[in-house]
Protein backbone atom coordinates (compact mmCIF):
# COMPACT_ATOMS: atom_id res chain seq x y z
CA UNK A 1 87.48 155.19 50.27
CA UNK A 2 83.83 154.16 50.64
CA UNK A 3 81.97 152.75 53.65
CA UNK A 4 82.43 149.49 55.56
CA UNK A 5 79.72 146.88 56.01
CA UNK A 6 78.66 148.35 59.36
CA UNK A 7 77.94 151.76 57.83
CA UNK A 8 81.10 153.59 59.00
CA UNK A 9 81.53 156.62 56.76
CA UNK A 10 84.86 157.93 55.56
CA UNK A 11 85.97 161.14 57.22
CA UNK A 12 84.66 160.37 60.71
CA UNK A 13 85.02 157.95 63.59
CA UNK A 14 81.81 156.90 65.29
CA UNK A 15 81.46 157.90 68.93
CA UNK A 16 81.56 155.01 71.35
CA UNK A 17 84.09 153.11 69.25
CA UNK A 18 87.27 154.83 70.43
CA UNK A 19 88.07 152.02 72.89
CA UNK A 20 88.30 149.58 69.95
CA UNK A 21 91.18 151.53 68.34
CA UNK A 22 94.81 150.55 68.84
CA UNK A 23 97.99 152.56 68.37
CA UNK A 24 100.36 152.09 65.45
CA UNK A 25 104.07 152.91 65.20
CA UNK A 26 103.04 156.25 63.70
CA UNK A 27 101.99 158.99 66.16
CA UNK A 28 98.42 160.10 65.60
CA UNK A 29 97.55 157.02 63.50
CA UNK A 30 95.35 154.31 65.00
CA UNK A 31 93.47 151.29 63.76
CA UNK A 32 90.73 148.87 64.71
CA UNK A 33 90.18 145.35 63.39
CA UNK A 34 87.11 144.03 61.68
CA UNK A 35 85.55 141.28 63.82
CA UNK A 36 85.16 138.81 60.92
CA UNK A 37 86.59 140.10 57.65
CA UNK A 38 90.14 139.15 56.71
CA UNK A 39 92.74 140.98 54.65
CA UNK A 40 95.22 138.29 53.74
CA UNK A 41 95.82 136.15 56.81
CA UNK A 42 95.17 139.02 59.26
CA UNK A 43 91.93 140.73 60.20
CA UNK A 44 91.05 143.69 58.02
CA UNK A 45 92.16 146.96 59.61
CA UNK A 46 90.46 150.34 59.55
CA UNK A 47 92.86 153.27 60.01
CA UNK A 48 92.06 156.67 61.53
CA UNK A 49 94.06 159.79 62.30
CA UNK A 50 93.95 162.23 65.25
CA UNK A 51 95.11 165.84 65.11
CA UNK A 52 94.43 169.27 66.59
CA UNK A 53 92.39 171.87 64.68
CA UNK A 54 91.85 175.30 66.25
CA UNK A 55 92.77 173.89 69.66
CA UNK A 56 90.28 171.06 69.39
CA UNK A 57 91.07 167.39 68.94
CA UNK A 58 89.77 165.99 65.65
CA UNK A 59 89.42 162.32 64.82
CA UNK A 60 88.94 161.33 61.17
CA UNK A 61 88.52 157.92 59.62
CA UNK A 62 91.02 157.16 56.86
CA UNK A 63 90.04 153.78 55.36
CA UNK A 64 90.34 150.02 55.24
CA UNK A 65 93.51 148.10 54.47
CA UNK A 66 91.48 145.90 52.10
CA UNK A 67 90.81 149.04 50.05
CA UNK A 68 94.43 150.02 49.74
CA UNK A 69 94.91 152.16 52.88
CA UNK A 70 97.91 151.76 55.17
CA UNK A 71 99.24 153.24 58.41
CA UNK A 72 102.25 154.69 56.58
CA UNK A 73 100.04 156.51 54.05
CA UNK A 74 97.81 157.81 56.83
CA UNK A 75 100.90 159.09 58.70
CA UNK A 76 102.20 160.83 55.59
CA UNK A 77 98.88 162.60 54.99
CA UNK A 78 98.58 163.51 58.68
CA UNK A 79 102.03 165.11 58.50
CA UNK A 80 100.98 167.15 55.47
CA UNK A 81 97.72 168.25 57.12
CA UNK A 82 99.58 169.46 60.22
CA UNK A 83 102.02 171.35 58.03
CA UNK A 84 99.15 172.96 56.14
CA UNK A 85 97.53 173.98 59.40
CA UNK A 86 100.73 175.74 60.47
CA UNK A 87 101.14 177.56 57.15
CA UNK A 88 97.47 178.15 56.54
CA UNK A 89 97.77 176.78 53.00
CA UNK A 90 96.36 173.64 51.42
CA UNK A 91 93.77 171.21 52.82
CA UNK A 92 93.33 171.37 56.59
CA UNK A 93 91.51 168.06 57.12
CA UNK A 94 90.82 164.75 55.39
CA UNK A 95 87.61 165.94 53.75
CA UNK A 96 89.40 168.86 52.11
CA UNK A 97 92.29 166.58 51.18
CA UNK A 98 89.90 164.11 49.53
CA UNK A 99 88.10 166.87 47.65
CA UNK A 100 91.43 168.19 46.35
CA UNK A 101 92.50 164.68 45.36
CA UNK A 102 89.19 164.12 43.56
CA UNK A 103 89.53 167.42 41.72
CA UNK A 104 93.06 166.52 40.61
CA UNK A 105 91.91 163.10 39.43
CA UNK A 106 89.03 164.64 37.47
CA UNK A 107 91.41 167.15 35.89
CA UNK A 108 93.76 164.30 35.01
CA UNK A 109 90.95 162.30 33.44
CA UNK A 110 89.74 165.38 31.56
CA UNK A 111 93.23 165.95 30.21
CA UNK A 112 93.48 162.29 29.23
CA UNK A 113 90.15 162.48 27.37
CA UNK A 114 91.24 165.67 25.64
CA UNK A 115 94.46 164.03 24.48
CA UNK A 116 92.55 160.94 23.35
CA UNK A 117 90.12 163.10 21.38
CA UNK A 118 92.99 164.99 19.78
CA UNK A 119 94.53 161.70 18.63
CA UNK A 120 91.27 159.87 17.76
CA UNK A 121 91.51 158.97 14.09
CA UNK A 122 88.94 158.72 11.31
CA UNK A 123 89.78 155.02 11.05
CA UNK A 124 88.97 154.45 14.74
CA UNK A 125 85.70 156.30 14.23
CA UNK A 126 84.96 154.11 11.20
CA UNK A 127 85.23 150.94 13.33
CA UNK A 128 82.66 152.25 15.79
CA UNK A 129 80.41 153.76 13.11
CA UNK A 130 80.33 150.63 10.95
CA UNK A 131 79.54 148.49 13.98
CA UNK A 132 76.64 150.81 14.72
CA UNK A 133 75.58 150.81 11.05
CA UNK A 134 75.58 147.01 10.99
CA UNK A 135 72.90 147.01 13.68
CA UNK A 136 70.94 150.05 12.52
CA UNK A 137 71.29 150.70 8.77
CA UNK A 138 70.07 148.76 5.77
CA UNK A 139 72.90 150.28 3.75
CA UNK A 140 75.61 148.90 6.08
CA UNK A 141 77.35 146.86 3.37
CA UNK A 142 77.44 149.87 1.03
CA UNK A 143 78.84 152.09 3.79
CA UNK A 144 81.51 149.52 4.62
CA UNK A 145 82.51 149.14 0.97
CA UNK A 146 82.67 152.91 0.37
CA UNK A 147 84.79 153.48 3.45
CA UNK A 148 87.18 150.63 2.69
CA UNK A 149 87.54 151.46 -1.02
CA UNK A 150 87.46 155.25 -1.13
CA UNK A 151 87.92 156.77 2.35
CA UNK A 152 90.23 154.55 4.40
CA UNK A 153 93.32 155.39 2.34
CA UNK A 154 93.21 159.21 2.38
CA UNK A 155 91.51 159.67 5.78
CA UNK A 156 91.92 156.51 7.89
CA UNK A 157 95.08 157.54 9.77
CA UNK A 158 94.15 161.20 10.19
CA UNK A 159 92.97 162.43 13.62
CA UNK A 160 89.45 163.84 13.35
CA UNK A 161 90.69 167.14 14.73
CA UNK A 162 93.16 167.53 11.86
CA UNK A 163 90.70 166.87 8.99
CA UNK A 164 89.95 170.18 7.29
CA UNK A 165 87.67 171.42 4.54
CA UNK A 166 90.75 171.57 2.30
CA UNK A 167 91.41 167.86 2.93
CA UNK A 168 87.86 167.02 1.91
CA UNK A 169 88.00 169.23 -1.17
CA UNK A 170 91.16 167.39 -2.21
CA UNK A 171 89.40 164.07 -1.61
CA UNK A 172 86.41 165.27 -3.65
CA UNK A 173 88.68 166.13 -6.61
CA UNK A 174 90.27 162.68 -6.51
CA UNK A 175 86.89 160.95 -6.28
CA UNK A 176 85.66 162.95 -9.26
CA UNK A 177 88.38 161.39 -11.44
CA UNK A 178 87.12 157.85 -10.94
CA UNK A 179 83.54 157.86 -9.64
CA UNK A 180 80.11 158.93 -10.82
CA UNK A 181 78.57 162.04 -9.23
CA UNK A 182 76.15 159.82 -7.31
CA UNK A 183 78.92 157.70 -5.77
CA UNK A 184 80.96 160.82 -4.98
CA UNK A 185 77.98 162.21 -3.12
CA UNK A 186 77.43 158.95 -1.25
CA UNK A 187 81.04 159.03 -0.02
CA UNK A 188 80.82 162.65 1.14
CA UNK A 189 77.47 162.05 2.83
CA UNK A 190 79.01 159.07 4.64
CA UNK A 191 81.75 161.37 5.98
CA UNK A 192 79.09 163.81 7.17
CA UNK A 193 77.16 161.06 8.94
CA UNK A 194 80.32 159.74 10.61
CA UNK A 195 81.32 163.17 11.94
CA UNK A 196 77.77 163.75 13.19
CA UNK A 197 77.89 160.47 15.11
CA UNK A 198 81.33 161.32 16.51
CA UNK A 199 79.90 164.56 17.93
CA UNK A 200 76.84 162.76 19.30
CA UNK A 201 79.02 160.10 20.94
CA UNK A 202 81.34 162.68 22.50
CA UNK A 203 84.33 161.64 20.39
CA UNK A 204 84.74 164.97 18.60
CA UNK A 205 84.17 168.55 19.76
CA UNK A 206 84.65 170.55 16.56
CA UNK A 207 82.27 171.44 13.77
CA UNK A 208 81.58 169.07 10.89
CA UNK A 209 84.15 169.93 8.17
CA UNK A 210 81.90 168.58 5.43
CA UNK A 211 79.70 171.67 5.87
CA UNK A 212 82.27 173.63 3.89
CA UNK A 213 82.19 171.22 0.94
CA UNK A 214 79.59 171.54 -1.80
CA UNK A 215 78.12 168.15 -2.61
CA UNK A 216 77.96 167.12 -6.30
CA UNK A 217 74.65 167.68 -8.02
CA UNK A 218 73.18 164.37 -9.04
CA UNK A 219 70.49 163.74 -11.61
CA UNK A 220 69.96 160.02 -11.32
CA UNK A 221 66.36 160.04 -12.45
CA UNK A 222 65.80 157.12 -14.75
CA UNK A 223 64.28 157.92 -18.11
CA UNK A 224 64.05 154.34 -19.42
CA UNK A 225 60.96 152.26 -18.79
CA UNK A 226 59.88 149.02 -20.38
CA UNK A 227 57.11 148.61 -22.85
CA UNK A 228 54.54 145.96 -22.00
CA UNK A 229 56.07 143.73 -24.67
CA UNK A 230 59.60 144.15 -23.25
CA UNK A 231 58.33 143.43 -19.75
CA UNK A 232 56.61 140.24 -20.91
CA UNK A 233 59.73 139.08 -22.78
CA UNK A 234 61.94 139.81 -19.72
CA UNK A 235 59.65 137.88 -17.40
CA UNK A 236 59.67 134.89 -19.73
CA UNK A 237 63.47 134.93 -19.85
CA UNK A 238 63.72 135.23 -16.07
CA UNK A 239 61.38 132.28 -15.60
CA UNK A 240 63.84 130.12 -17.54
CA UNK A 241 66.72 131.18 -15.31
CA UNK A 242 65.23 131.60 -11.83
CA UNK A 243 61.63 131.32 -10.70
CA UNK A 244 62.38 133.38 -7.60
CA UNK A 245 63.88 136.27 -9.58
CA UNK A 246 60.94 136.05 -11.99
CA UNK A 247 58.49 136.36 -9.11
CA UNK A 248 60.41 139.26 -7.54
CA UNK A 249 60.47 141.07 -10.89
CA UNK A 250 56.74 140.54 -11.36
CA UNK A 251 55.98 142.02 -7.91
CA UNK A 252 58.09 145.07 -8.74
CA UNK A 253 56.51 145.50 -12.19
CA UNK A 254 52.88 145.19 -11.10
CA UNK A 255 52.97 146.40 -7.48
CA UNK A 256 55.78 148.97 -7.63
CA UNK A 257 57.94 147.60 -4.80
CA UNK A 258 61.65 148.26 -4.43
CA UNK A 259 63.94 145.23 -4.26
CA UNK A 260 64.69 145.85 -0.57
CA UNK A 261 60.97 145.97 0.17
CA UNK A 262 60.42 142.71 -1.71
CA UNK A 263 63.29 141.01 0.11
CA UNK A 264 61.81 142.08 3.46
CA UNK A 265 58.30 140.75 2.78
CA UNK A 266 56.97 138.22 5.28
CA UNK A 267 53.87 136.10 4.94
CA UNK A 268 52.22 138.17 7.65
CA UNK A 269 52.42 141.11 5.21
CA UNK A 270 50.46 139.29 2.49
CA UNK A 271 46.67 139.62 2.69
CA UNK A 272 45.34 137.50 -0.15
CA UNK A 273 41.68 137.99 0.80
CA UNK A 274 41.88 141.77 0.43
CA UNK A 275 44.69 141.72 -2.16
CA UNK A 276 46.89 143.97 -0.03
CA UNK A 277 50.67 143.90 0.49
CA UNK A 278 51.79 145.59 3.70
CA UNK A 279 55.14 147.27 2.95
CA UNK A 280 56.95 147.90 6.22
CA UNK A 281 59.87 150.22 6.87
CA UNK A 282 60.11 151.59 3.35
CA UNK A 283 62.16 154.70 2.62
CA UNK A 284 59.17 156.91 3.46
CA UNK A 285 57.75 154.63 6.14
CA UNK A 286 55.12 151.93 5.85
CA UNK A 287 52.44 151.80 3.17
CA UNK A 288 50.02 149.44 1.46
CA UNK A 289 50.51 148.11 -2.05
CA UNK A 290 47.83 146.31 -4.02
CA UNK A 291 47.84 143.08 -5.97
CA UNK A 292 46.89 142.58 -9.57
CA UNK A 293 45.50 139.19 -10.50
CA UNK A 294 48.93 137.96 -11.58
CA UNK A 295 50.55 139.11 -8.35
CA UNK A 296 47.87 137.41 -6.25
CA UNK A 297 48.30 134.20 -8.26
CA UNK A 298 52.05 134.40 -7.72
CA UNK A 299 51.70 134.61 -3.92
CA UNK A 300 49.14 131.82 -3.88
CA UNK A 301 51.58 129.59 -5.76
CA UNK A 302 54.54 130.48 -3.53
CA UNK A 303 52.71 130.23 -0.22
CA UNK A 304 53.76 127.05 1.63
CA UNK A 305 51.18 124.84 3.31
CA UNK A 306 52.33 126.11 6.70
CA UNK A 307 53.22 129.76 6.25
CA UNK A 308 54.17 131.39 9.54
CA UNK A 309 53.57 135.16 9.64
CA UNK A 310 57.23 135.83 10.45
CA UNK A 311 58.62 133.72 7.60
CA UNK A 312 60.19 135.51 4.63
CA UNK A 313 58.36 135.23 1.32
CA UNK A 314 61.62 135.31 -0.63
CA UNK A 315 64.59 133.66 1.11
CA UNK A 316 68.20 133.48 0.07
CA UNK A 317 69.82 130.10 -0.51
CA UNK A 318 70.89 130.19 3.13
CA UNK A 319 67.34 130.79 4.25
CA UNK A 320 67.86 134.41 5.27
CA UNK A 321 66.92 137.81 3.87
CA UNK A 322 68.52 138.69 0.54
CA UNK A 323 70.79 141.73 0.41
CA UNK A 324 71.59 141.72 -3.31
CA UNK A 325 69.71 141.09 -6.52
CA UNK A 326 70.55 137.76 -8.12
CA UNK A 327 72.95 137.82 -11.07
CA UNK A 328 70.23 135.97 -13.00
CA UNK A 329 68.51 139.30 -13.60
CA UNK A 330 71.59 140.92 -15.18
CA UNK A 331 72.25 137.85 -17.32
CA UNK A 332 68.65 137.90 -18.59
CA UNK A 333 68.92 141.58 -19.54
CA UNK A 334 72.18 140.90 -21.39
CA UNK A 335 70.72 137.94 -23.27
CA UNK A 336 67.82 140.09 -24.50
CA UNK A 337 70.13 142.98 -25.53
CA UNK A 338 67.95 145.41 -23.55
CA UNK A 339 70.96 147.63 -22.86
CA UNK A 340 72.49 147.39 -26.30
CA UNK A 341 74.01 150.74 -27.28
CA UNK A 342 73.07 152.40 -23.98
CA UNK A 343 75.91 154.38 -22.37
CA UNK A 344 74.01 156.57 -19.91
CA UNK A 345 73.28 154.57 -16.77
CA UNK A 346 69.86 156.24 -16.55
CA UNK A 347 68.90 154.56 -19.82
CA UNK A 348 70.01 151.08 -18.80
CA UNK A 349 67.63 148.41 -17.59
CA UNK A 350 68.27 147.43 -13.98
CA UNK A 351 65.95 145.93 -11.40
CA UNK A 352 64.76 149.39 -10.36
CA UNK A 353 63.61 149.94 -13.95
CA UNK A 354 60.72 147.59 -13.15
CA UNK A 355 59.38 149.92 -10.44
CA UNK A 356 59.95 152.88 -12.75
CA UNK A 357 57.99 151.08 -15.47
CA UNK A 358 55.11 150.47 -13.04
CA UNK A 359 54.89 154.20 -12.29
CA UNK A 360 55.27 155.18 -15.94
CA UNK A 361 52.45 152.86 -17.00
CA UNK A 362 50.19 154.38 -14.36
CA UNK A 363 51.01 157.90 -15.58
CA UNK A 364 50.40 156.98 -19.23
CA UNK A 365 46.91 155.68 -18.44
CA UNK A 366 46.04 158.98 -16.72
CA UNK A 367 46.43 158.03 -13.03
CA UNK A 368 46.65 161.19 -10.87
CA UNK A 369 50.18 161.96 -9.63
CA UNK A 370 49.03 161.95 -6.01
CA UNK A 371 47.78 158.38 -6.44
CA UNK A 372 51.07 157.35 -8.07
CA UNK A 373 52.93 158.96 -5.15
CA UNK A 374 50.97 156.85 -2.65
CA UNK A 375 51.50 153.67 -4.69
CA UNK A 376 55.26 154.25 -4.87
CA UNK A 377 55.66 155.40 -1.25
CA UNK A 378 57.42 158.63 -2.22
CA UNK A 379 58.13 161.13 0.56
CA UNK A 380 57.10 164.13 -1.50
CA UNK A 381 55.03 164.80 -4.60
CA UNK A 382 58.10 166.40 -6.19
CA UNK A 383 59.67 162.93 -6.43
CA UNK A 384 56.64 161.75 -8.43
CA UNK A 385 56.50 164.72 -10.78
CA UNK A 386 59.14 163.13 -13.00
CA UNK A 387 56.27 161.07 -14.45
CA UNK A 388 54.06 164.07 -15.23
CA UNK A 389 55.32 164.36 -18.81
CA UNK A 390 53.95 160.89 -19.52
CA UNK A 391 50.40 161.80 -18.53
CA UNK A 392 47.85 162.45 -21.29
CA UNK A 393 47.44 166.08 -22.29
CA UNK A 394 44.85 166.71 -19.59
CA UNK A 395 45.73 170.39 -19.19
CA UNK A 396 44.83 171.23 -22.79
CA UNK A 397 41.59 169.27 -22.48
CA UNK A 398 40.75 171.07 -19.23
CA UNK A 399 41.24 174.50 -20.86
CA UNK A 400 39.14 173.45 -23.85
CA UNK A 401 36.36 172.33 -21.52
CA UNK A 402 36.57 175.62 -19.64
CA UNK A 403 36.31 177.55 -22.89
CA UNK A 404 33.32 175.46 -23.96
CA UNK A 405 31.61 176.16 -20.64
CA UNK A 406 32.21 179.92 -21.02
CA UNK A 407 30.92 179.88 -24.61
CA UNK A 408 27.82 178.05 -23.45
CA UNK A 409 27.16 180.69 -20.78
CA UNK A 410 27.61 183.50 -23.36
CA UNK A 411 25.17 181.82 -25.71
CA UNK A 412 22.60 181.61 -22.90
CA UNK A 413 23.08 185.30 -22.14
CA UNK A 414 22.55 186.23 -25.81
CA UNK A 415 19.36 184.16 -25.93
CA UNK A 416 18.12 185.86 -22.74
CA UNK A 417 18.81 189.35 -24.10
CA UNK A 418 16.99 188.61 -27.32
CA UNK A 419 13.94 187.64 -25.38
């Protein structure tokens, strides 16, 4: 029941205060009044009980009326304690009674939590997960759209505990009928992430059912890159439609930035003197990108007279960070027929094709793959190796040079022997 303002502790009555206690209509139950504190119109009352334990009188404090205690409740508990003392079963004093009551309450709460977990649905998890994703993930909007469109229907009303591998295999088959392998995988990965968070947040005690589902194999590596002529023509068309989209495309083409990285650029990230772009929070962490002359000229032209370091370089119409590529880019691609006759999405020109073109051009001119990796901000060299086939035939040249060196050594040996 807690302690009062004078430090009186539940379960005991301070010595020297017995004279302050008054009798109630219940034998063995007494009370004293707080000198200042009121409970309703009357002074607040502190109740205590008196009983015999092993032939010795025992006084125990019960609690304040303002905290829900009453003489009748104290009398009822005192009666039970005396009965327990006679039978030798159950709590023998208030401390034991409180401990038993606490244990029962904890067991009740545990049972309640267990029931709540058993009934906690995937849809309820989605609400909490998407709220977390909104504050922590760049892909929040994609997660929300995938859940709403593809997962809410088949899984939303199901308790987490009841979702099985078989359920997810059935979902996978249905997704396969209408979605690309990449989107199927995104949906299944989202389920995995949601279950992982449910376990971390204490909302689910089982194992992640997605572990039993084989994710679709996805080869989304783009094979299409622009020629220099195509890139020039596209930039000219974009300039007619939107200067901002033109500038974003140019930064991607000649500095290799992703759209999300471009949208996140702030003027504090642009170092015109050293021609460096500080890319923060990319997929593989932060990195530096470097400006060509045209990119530097672009930033010089865009830079306002008063450019605060925290201001975005490219703002949306509402003055905030862009989350989607402008439709002007797609319309420009359509007008130039760059995707005419292309059915494989990997062959179609999209904004990411610009970054892919940047890397491809570097590979064609003989730039080492490790350098391309650093320019692109790839996590591993394996991600960059897709451009290796574009590199000049350096391996053949290296072997030829080796052979020439060996032949030269042999010739020297022959000359030496002759001497």
